């Protein structure tokens, strides 16, 4: 069984952060496309549409701002995994005619969401 009752505390926090980020982005006018898309290449938390542009969103939550906070925790390796997974997803859904895309970050801290458009 892998339902909500079997999630670790960190998984529950992550799911709640993704839900907060989704609600925030919906309020900003973005439309949902997919959620928790992944393969062995990586995982994408949210895929949204902003007008004609697809937006791949990484959601990060931190309870403290030590070491640069949530956004600073997305290093080069994580960015590469997100890029590879997004390319796989785009190939499956769009073939070789991809729409305009960007990578955003929603960094959550207690009481605050920082939306970084075009983060990398």
C-alpha atoms as a PDB file:
ATOM      1  CA  UNK A   1       0.000   0.000   0.000  1.00  0.00           C
ATOM      2  CA  UNK A   2       1.425   3.376  -1.029  1.00  0.00           C
ATOM      3  CA  UNK A   3      -1.542   5.671  -0.396  1.00  0.00           C
ATOM      4  CA  UNK A   4      -1.511   8.866   1.669  1.00  0.00           C
ATOM      5  CA  UNK A   5      -1.517   6.913   4.935  1.00  0.00           C
ATOM      6  CA  UNK A   6       1.870   5.375   4.063  1.00  0.00           C
ATOM      7  CA  UNK A   7       3.669   8.567   3.113  1.00  0.00           C
ATOM      8  CA  UNK A   8       6.638   9.773   5.091  1.00  0.00           C
ATOM      9  CA  UNK A   9       6.426  13.166   6.818  1.00  0.00           C
ATOM     10  CA  UNK A  10       8.681  14.623   4.109  1.00  0.00           C
ATOM     11  CA  UNK A  11       6.388  13.264   1.375  1.00  0.00           C
ATOM     12  CA  UNK A  12       3.351  14.773   3.085  1.00  0.00           C
ATOM     13  CA  UNK A  13       5.101  18.152   3.341  1.00  0.00           C
ATOM     14  CA  UNK A  14       6.088  17.945  -0.325  1.00  0.00           C
ATOM     15  CA  UNK A  15       2.546  17.094  -1.428  1.00  0.00           C
ATOM     16  CA  UNK A  16       1.140  19.996   0.602  1.00  0.00           C
ATOM     17  CA  UNK A  17       3.740  22.353  -0.924  1.00  0.00           C
ATOM     18  CA  UNK A  18       2.815  21.208  -4.434  1.00  0.00           C
ATOM     19  CA  UNK A  19      -0.863  21.812  -3.664  1.00  0.00           C
ATOM     20  CA  UNK A  20      -0.080  25.335  -2.392  1.00  0.00           C
ATOM     21  CA  UNK A  21       2.027  26.086  -5.472  1.00  0.00           C
ATOM     22  CA  UNK A  22      -0.709  24.760  -7.765  1.00  0.00           C
ATOM     23  CA  UNK A  23      -3.344  26.951  -6.097  1.00  0.00           C
ATOM     24  CA  UNK A  24      -1.029  29.974  -6.330  1.00  0.00           C
ATOM     25  CA  UNK A  25      -0.288  29.433 -10.022  1.00  0.00           C
ATOM     26  CA  UNK A  26      -3.972  28.888 -10.807  1.00  0.00           C
ATOM     27  CA  UNK A  27      -4.707  32.223  -9.120  1.00  0.00           C
ATOM     28  CA  UNK A  28      -2.049  33.805 -11.371  1.00  0.00           C
ATOM     29  CA  UNK A  29      -3.920  32.586 -14.450  1.00  0.00           C
ATOM     30  CA  UNK A  30      -1.925  29.485 -15.386  1.00  0.00           C
ATOM     31  CA  UNK A  31      -3.773  26.321 -16.411  1.00  0.00           C
ATOM     32  CA  UNK A  32      -2.809  22.836 -15.199  1.00  0.00           C
ATOM     33  CA  UNK A  33      -1.552  20.287 -17.719  1.00  0.00           C
ATOM     34  CA  UNK A  34      -0.003  17.509 -15.602  1.00  0.00           C
ATOM     35  CA  UNK A  35       1.265  16.781 -12.121  1.00  0.00           C
ATOM     36  CA  UNK A  36       4.060  14.545 -10.799  1.00  0.00           C
ATOM     37  CA  UNK A  37       5.324  13.455 -14.199  1.00  0.00           C
ATOM     38  CA  UNK A  38       8.334  11.222 -14.003  1.00  0.00           C
ATOM     39  CA  UNK A  39      10.472   8.421 -15.290  1.00  0.00           C
ATOM     40  CA  UNK A  40      13.929   7.114 -14.539  1.00  0.00           C
ATOM     41  CA  UNK A  41      15.224  10.393 -16.005  1.00  0.00           C
ATOM     42  CA  UNK A  42      13.649  12.613 -13.354  1.00  0.00           C
ATOM     43  CA  UNK A  43      10.412  14.045 -12.011  1.00  0.00           C
ATOM     44  CA  UNK A  44       8.517  17.219 -12.818  1.00  0.00           C
ATOM     45  CA  UNK A  45       6.268  18.489 -10.037  1.00  0.00           C
ATOM     46  CA  UNK A  46       3.848  20.521 -12.168  1.00  0.00           C
ATOM     47  CA  UNK A  47       3.353  21.220 -15.847  1.00  0.00           C
ATOM     48  CA  UNK A  48       1.263  24.312 -16.474  1.00  0.00           C
ATOM     49  CA  UNK A  49       0.223  26.391 -19.457  1.00  0.00           C
ATOM     50  CA  UNK A  50       0.818  30.145 -19.452  1.00  0.00           C
ATOM     51  CA  UNK A  51      -0.828  31.381 -22.638  1.00  0.00           C
ATOM     52  CA  UNK A  52       0.906  29.565 -25.501  1.00  0.00           C
ATOM     53  CA  UNK A  53       3.881  28.588 -23.339  1.00  0.00           C
ATOM     54  CA  UNK A  54       4.336  25.334 -21.409  1.00  0.00           C
ATOM     55  CA  UNK A  55       5.806  25.819 -17.966  1.00  0.00           C
ATOM     56  CA  UNK A  56       7.685  23.071 -16.127  1.00  0.00           C
ATOM     57  CA  UNK A  57       7.528  23.923 -12.431  1.00  0.00           C
ATOM     58  CA  UNK A  58       9.818  22.680  -9.678  1.00  0.00           C
ATOM     59  CA  UNK A  59       8.308  23.144  -6.231  1.00  0.00           C
ATOM     60  CA  UNK A  60      10.600  23.469  -3.228  1.00  0.00           C
ATOM     61  CA  UNK A  61       9.659  24.056   0.390  1.00  0.00           C
ATOM     62  CA  UNK A  62      11.957  24.903   3.251  1.00  0.00           C
ATOM     63  CA  UNK A  63      11.085  25.782   6.818  1.00  0.00           C
ATOM     64  CA  UNK A  64      14.309  27.799   7.180  1.00  0.00           C
ATOM     65  CA  UNK A  65      16.308  30.074   4.919  1.00  0.00           C
ATOM     66  CA  UNK A  66      19.718  28.650   5.860  1.00  0.00           C
ATOM     67  CA  UNK A  67      22.010  27.962   2.906  1.00  0.00           C
ATOM     68  CA  UNK A  68      20.027  30.206   0.559  1.00  0.00           C
ATOM     69  CA  UNK A  69      16.544  28.824   1.086  1.00  0.00           C
ATOM     70  CA  UNK A  70      14.367  26.669  -1.129  1.00  0.00           C
ATOM     71  CA  UNK A  71      15.285  28.086  -4.539  1.00  0.00           C
ATOM     72  CA  UNK A  72      19.014  27.731  -3.896  1.00  0.00           C
ATOM     73  CA  UNK A  73      18.550  24.002  -3.299  1.00  0.00           C
ATOM     74  CA  UNK A  74      17.969  23.357  -7.018  1.00  0.00           C
ATOM     75  CA  UNK A  75      21.453  22.603  -8.195  1.00  0.00           C
ATOM     76  CA  UNK A  76      22.931  21.827 -11.590  1.00  0.00           C
ATOM     77  CA  UNK A  77      22.226  18.081 -11.337  1.00  0.00           C
ATOM     78  CA  UNK A  78      18.557  18.648 -10.499  1.00  0.00           C
ATOM     79  CA  UNK A  79      18.230  21.105 -13.374  1.00  0.00           C
ATOM     80  CA  UNK A  80      19.720  18.521 -15.750  1.00  0.00           C
ATOM     81  CA  UNK A  81      17.271  15.853 -14.554  1.00  0.00           C
ATOM     82  CA  UNK A  82      14.348  18.269 -15.053  1.00  0.00           C
ATOM     83  CA  UNK A  83      15.544  19.148 -18.548  1.00  0.00           C
ATOM     84  CA  UNK A  84      15.929  15.494 -19.544  1.00  0.00           C
ATOM     85  CA  UNK A  85      12.494  14.534 -18.208  1.00  0.00           C
ATOM     86  CA  UNK A  86      10.852  17.537 -19.863  1.00  0.00           C
ATOM     87  CA  UNK A  87      12.428  16.579 -23.193  1.00  0.00           C
ATOM     88  CA  UNK A  88      11.119  13.029 -22.812  1.00  0.00           C
ATOM     89  CA  UNK A  89       7.627  14.308 -21.949  1.00  0.00           C
ATOM     90  CA  UNK A  90       7.619  16.786 -24.844  1.00  0.00           C
ATOM     91  CA  UNK A  91       8.709  14.075 -27.293  1.00  0.00           C
ATOM     92  CA  UNK A  92       5.900  11.772 -26.156  1.00  0.00           C
ATOM     93  CA  UNK A  93       3.220  14.478 -26.292  1.00  0.00           C
ATOM     94  CA  UNK A  94       4.400  16.720 -29.136  1.00  0.00           C
ATOM     95  CA  UNK A  95       6.781  14.655 -31.265  1.00  0.00           C
ATOM     96  CA  UNK A  96       9.355  16.928 -32.836  1.00  0.00           C
ATOM     97  CA  UNK A  97       7.206  20.101 -32.835  1.00  0.00           C
ATOM     98  CA  UNK A  98       7.561  21.418 -29.291  1.00  0.00           C
ATOM     99  CA  UNK A  99       5.757  24.532 -28.085  1.00  0.00           C
ATOM    100  CA  UNK A 100       7.607  27.354 -26.363  1.00  0.00           C
ATOM    101  CA  UNK A 101       8.650  26.239 -22.872  1.00  0.00           C
ATOM    102  CA  UNK A 102      10.249  27.566 -19.722  1.00  0.00           C
ATOM    103  CA  UNK A 103      11.320  26.306 -16.312  1.00  0.00           C
ATOM    104  CA  UNK A 104       9.901  28.048 -13.249  1.00  0.00           C
ATOM    105  CA  UNK A 105      10.446  27.508  -9.543  1.00  0.00           C
ATOM    106  CA  UNK A 106       7.912  27.951  -6.750  1.00  0.00           C
ATOM    107  CA  UNK A 107       9.914  28.318  -3.559  1.00  0.00           C
ATOM    108  CA  UNK A 108       7.791  28.074  -0.431  1.00  0.00           C
ATOM    109  CA  UNK A 109       8.759  29.378   2.976  1.00  0.00           C
ATOM    110  CA  UNK A 110       6.418  29.766   5.938  1.00  0.00           C
ATOM    111  CA  UNK A 111       3.767  32.301   4.883  1.00  0.00           C
ATOM    112  CA  UNK A 112       5.397  33.132   1.539  1.00  0.00           C
ATOM    113  CA  UNK A 113       5.598  31.806  -2.042  1.00  0.00           C
ATOM    114  CA  UNK A 114       8.318  33.064  -4.346  1.00  0.00           C
ATOM    115  CA  UNK A 115       7.528  32.400  -8.014  1.00  0.00           C
ATOM    116  CA  UNK A 116      10.668  32.558 -10.137  1.00  0.00           C
ATOM    117  CA  UNK A 117       9.805  32.665 -13.831  1.00  0.00           C
ATOM    118  CA  UNK A 118      12.420  31.372 -16.217  1.00  0.00           C
ATOM    119  CA  UNK A 119      14.561  30.189 -13.312  1.00  0.00           C
ATOM    120  CA  UNK A 120      16.917  28.201 -15.542  1.00  0.00           C
END
